[in-house]
Amino acid sequence: MSDKSQLEKDIERRELVKIPFSVLVLIALLSVALGSLGVYTFKLKQDIGIRELEIRSRDQVITSIKRNLDNEKSEFLAIIKALETGKERVKADPESMSGGPDTAPSVSAPEKGRKDSAK
């Protein structure tokens, strides 16, 4: 038989397995710290996600503004080209366009004389 009784063996096992109170407090504090760190990182991820959505919406607005600006720019360039071609036509054939020199009111020679004599 063994020299130790069953009670002594149980006591020895409990002493080996028994954890000091300070270690339990340390484990509890580490668990709380780890949990709070997890909550903090979760909150940060949510904030970052919200900011990313805001940035995406701003980027969409910026791209739509750029697209509209490019469309307006191309429209204005087309208008300018049309006006330039119209101006070239006027230079090439000024009498054929309405409002040319033939349609302008002209002063006859006797009227010029009257104006000069009135002075």
C-alpha atoms as a PDB file:
ATOM      1  CA  MET A   1       0.000   0.000   0.000  1.00  0.00           C
ATOM      2  CA  SER A   2       0.942   3.554  -0.349  1.00  0.00           C
ATOM      3  CA  ASP A   3       2.184   5.646   2.488  1.00  0.00           C
ATOM      4  CA  LYS A   4      -0.328   8.470   1.809  1.00  0.00           C
ATOM      5  CA  SER A   5      -3.984   8.274   2.403  1.00  0.00           C
ATOM      6  CA  GLN A   6      -6.604   9.235  -0.119  1.00  0.00           C
ATOM      7  CA  LEU A   7      -7.178  12.563   1.668  1.00  0.00           C
ATOM      8  CA  GLU A   8      -3.531  13.515   1.458  1.00  0.00           C
ATOM      9  CA  LYS A   9      -3.463  12.702  -2.257  1.00  0.00           C
ATOM     10  CA  ASP A  10      -6.511  14.911  -2.862  1.00  0.00           C
ATOM     11  CA  ILE A  11      -4.904  17.762  -0.964  1.00  0.00           C
ATOM     12  CA  GLU A  12      -1.709  17.515  -3.022  1.00  0.00           C
ATOM     13  CA  ARG A  13      -3.672  17.527  -6.300  1.00  0.00           C
ATOM     14  CA  ARG A  14      -5.644  20.581  -5.247  1.00  0.00           C
ATOM     15  CA  GLU A  15      -2.464  22.420  -4.283  1.00  0.00           C
ATOM     16  CA  LEU A  16      -1.005  21.729  -7.711  1.00  0.00           C
ATOM     17  CA  VAL A  17      -4.198  22.793  -9.479  1.00  0.00           C
ATOM     18  CA  LYS A  18      -5.013  25.659  -7.146  1.00  0.00           C
ATOM     19  CA  ILE A  19      -4.417  29.066  -8.770  1.00  0.00           C
ATOM     20  CA  PRO A  20      -3.443  32.025  -6.596  1.00  0.00           C
ATOM     21  CA  PHE A  21      -5.992  34.844  -6.230  1.00  0.00           C
ATOM     22  CA  SER A  22      -3.637  37.415  -7.796  1.00  0.00           C
ATOM     23  CA  VAL A  23      -3.390  35.316 -10.951  1.00  0.00           C
ATOM     24  CA  LEU A  24      -7.190  35.098 -11.141  1.00  0.00           C
ATOM     25  CA  VAL A  25      -7.429  38.885 -10.797  1.00  0.00           C
ATOM     26  CA  LEU A  26      -4.814  39.302 -13.521  1.00  0.00           C
ATOM     27  CA  ILE A  27      -6.725  36.965 -15.844  1.00  0.00           C
ATOM     28  CA  ALA A  28      -9.957  38.866 -15.156  1.00  0.00           C
ATOM     29  CA  LEU A  29      -8.316  42.231 -15.878  1.00  0.00           C
ATOM     30  CA  LEU A  30      -6.769  40.925 -19.082  1.00  0.00           C
ATOM     31  CA  SER A  31     -10.142  39.544 -20.178  1.00  0.00           C
ATOM     32  CA  VAL A  32     -11.838  42.892 -19.526  1.00  0.00           C
ATOM     33  CA  ALA A  33      -9.072  44.765 -21.358  1.00  0.00           C
ATOM     34  CA  LEU A  34      -9.261  42.402 -24.316  1.00  0.00           C
ATOM     35  CA  GLY A  35     -13.046  42.735 -24.454  1.00  0.00           C
ATOM     36  CA  SER A  36     -12.925  46.529 -24.327  1.00  0.00           C
ATOM     37  CA  LEU A  37     -10.253  46.535 -27.026  1.00  0.00           C
ATOM     38  CA  GLY A  38     -12.509  44.371 -29.192  1.00  0.00           C
ATOM     39  CA  VAL A  39     -15.453  46.727 -28.691  1.00  0.00           C
ATOM     40  CA  TYR A  40     -13.238  49.726 -29.498  1.00  0.00           C
ATOM     41  CA  THR A  41     -11.933  48.167 -32.723  1.00  0.00           C
ATOM     42  CA  PHE A  42     -15.484  47.205 -33.729  1.00  0.00           C
ATOM     43  CA  LYS A  43     -16.591  50.802 -33.201  1.00  0.00           C
ATOM     44  CA  LEU A  44     -13.615  52.081 -35.222  1.00  0.00           C
ATOM     45  CA  LYS A  45     -14.442  49.716 -38.077  1.00  0.00           C
ATOM     46  CA  GLN A  46     -18.011  51.014 -38.119  1.00  0.00           C
ATOM     47  CA  ASP A  47     -16.799  54.627 -38.145  1.00  0.00           C
ATOM     48  CA  ILE A  48     -14.357  53.858 -40.933  1.00  0.00           C
ATOM     49  CA  GLY A  49     -17.141  52.162 -42.905  1.00  0.00           C
ATOM     50  CA  ILE A  50     -19.358  55.224 -42.519  1.00  0.00           C
ATOM     51  CA  ARG A  51     -16.538  57.507 -43.633  1.00  0.00           C
ATOM     52  CA  GLU A  52     -15.841  55.294 -46.631  1.00  0.00           C
ATOM     53  CA  LEU A  53     -19.500  55.535 -47.630  1.00  0.00           C
ATOM     54  CA  GLU A  54     -19.354  59.321 -47.305  1.00  0.00           C
ATOM     55  CA  ILE A  55     -16.189  59.430 -49.395  1.00  0.00           C
ATOM     56  CA  ARG A  56     -17.763  57.189 -52.048  1.00  0.00           C
ATOM     57  CA  SER A  57     -20.835  59.396 -52.246  1.00  0.00           C
ATOM     58  CA  ARG A  58     -18.644  62.491 -52.535  1.00  0.00           C
ATOM     59  CA  ASP A  59     -16.606  60.792 -55.255  1.00  0.00           C
ATOM     60  CA  GLN A  60     -19.807  59.984 -57.134  1.00  0.00           C
ATOM     61  CA  VAL A  61     -20.908  63.609 -56.887  1.00  0.00           C
ATOM     62  CA  ILE A  62     -17.492  64.788 -58.081  1.00  0.00           C
ATOM     63  CA  THR A  63     -17.500  62.404 -61.047  1.00  0.00           C
ATOM     64  CA  SER A  64     -21.014  63.458 -62.034  1.00  0.00           C
ATOM     65  CA  ILE A  65     -19.975  67.120 -61.845  1.00  0.00           C
ATOM     66  CA  LYS A  66     -16.906  66.372 -63.973  1.00  0.00           C
ATOM     67  CA  ARG A  67     -19.047  64.471 -66.480  1.00  0.00           C
ATOM     68  CA  ASN A  68     -21.525  67.357 -66.694  1.00  0.00           C
ATOM     69  CA  LEU A  69     -18.656  69.817 -67.070  1.00  0.00           C
ATOM     70  CA  ASP A  70     -17.177  67.767 -69.906  1.00  0.00           C
ATOM     71  CA  ASN A  71     -20.582  67.583 -71.604  1.00  0.00           C
ATOM     72  CA  GLU A  72     -21.083  71.336 -71.312  1.00  0.00           C
ATOM     73  CA  LYS A  73     -17.542  71.939 -72.527  1.00  0.00           C
ATOM     74  CA  SER A  74     -18.124  69.802 -75.616  1.00  0.00           C
ATOM     75  CA  GLU A  75     -21.453  71.568 -76.231  1.00  0.00           C
ATOM     76  CA  PHE A  76     -19.784  74.967 -75.978  1.00  0.00           C
ATOM     77  CA  LEU A  77     -17.013  73.854 -78.320  1.00  0.00           C
ATOM     78  CA  ALA A  78     -19.636  72.714 -80.820  1.00  0.00           C
ATOM     79  CA  ILE A  79     -21.405  76.079 -80.521  1.00  0.00           C
ATOM     80  CA  ILE A  80     -18.109  77.926 -80.985  1.00  0.00           C
ATOM     81  CA  LYS A  81     -17.295  75.859 -84.072  1.00  0.00           C
ATOM     82  CA  ALA A  82     -20.752  76.535 -85.480  1.00  0.00           C
ATOM     83  CA  LEU A  83     -20.348  80.256 -84.861  1.00  0.00           C
ATOM     84  CA  GLU A  84     -16.878  80.242 -86.410  1.00  0.00           C
ATOM     85  CA  THR A  85     -18.149  78.493 -89.532  1.00  0.00           C
ATOM     86  CA  GLY A  86     -21.023  80.998 -89.693  1.00  0.00           C
ATOM     87  CA  LYS A  87     -18.524  83.835 -89.344  1.00  0.00           C
ATOM     88  CA  GLU A  88     -16.419  82.375 -92.152  1.00  0.00           C
ATOM     89  CA  ARG A  89     -19.528  82.187 -94.336  1.00  0.00           C
ATOM     90  CA  VAL A  90     -20.250  85.851 -93.613  1.00  0.00           C
ATOM     91  CA  LYS A  91     -16.684  86.774 -94.534  1.00  0.00           C
ATOM     92  CA  ALA A  92     -16.900  84.762 -97.734  1.00  0.00           C
ATOM     93  CA  ASP A  93     -20.309  86.114 -98.867  1.00  0.00           C
ATOM     94  CA  PRO A  94     -21.416  89.103 -96.752  1.00  0.00           C
ATOM     95  CA  GLU A  95     -24.243  90.208 -99.118  1.00  0.00           C
ATOM     96  CA  SER A  96     -26.088  86.900 -98.921  1.00  0.00           C
ATOM     97  CA  MET A  97     -26.544  87.104 -95.144  1.00  0.00           C
ATOM     98  CA  SER A  98     -29.435  89.154 -93.800  1.00  0.00           C
ATOM     99  CA  GLY A  99     -28.497  92.393 -92.140  1.00  0.00           C
ATOM    100  CA  GLY A 100     -25.618  92.881 -94.546  1.00  0.00           C
ATOM    101  CA  PRO A 101     -24.490  96.209 -96.001  1.00  0.00           C
ATOM    102  CA  ASP A 102     -27.263  96.232 -98.650  1.00  0.00           C
ATOM    103  CA  THR A 103     -30.033  96.241 -96.073  1.00  0.00           C
ATOM    104  CA  ALA A 104     -28.526  98.971 -93.936  1.00  0.00           C
ATOM    105  CA  PRO A 105     -30.177 102.373 -94.347  1.00  0.00           C
ATOM    106  CA  SER A 106     -28.052 104.642 -96.449  1.00  0.00           C
ATOM    107  CA  VAL A 107     -27.964 108.384 -96.537  1.00  0.00           C
ATOM    108  CA  SER A 108     -28.436 109.922 -99.972  1.00  0.00           C
ATOM    109  CA  ALA A 109     -26.243 112.716-101.245  1.00  0.00           C
ATOM    110  CA  PRO A 110     -28.804 115.525-100.954  1.00  0.00           C
ATOM    111  CA  GLU A 111     -29.441 114.627 -97.324  1.00  0.00           C
ATOM    112  CA  LYS A 112     -25.767 114.891 -96.600  1.00  0.00           C
ATOM    113  CA  GLY A 113     -25.774 118.350 -98.016  1.00  0.00           C
ATOM    114  CA  ARG A 114     -28.697 119.435 -95.908  1.00  0.00           C
ATOM    115  CA  LYS A 115     -27.048 118.198 -92.761  1.00  0.00           C
ATOM    116  CA  ASP A 116     -23.889 120.110 -93.586  1.00  0.00           C
ATOM    117  CA  SER A 117     -25.818 123.294 -94.441  1.00  0.00           C
ATOM    118  CA  ALA A 118     -27.801 123.139 -91.236  1.00  0.00           C
ATOM    119  CA  LYS A 119     -24.659 123.513 -89.205  1.00  0.00           C
END
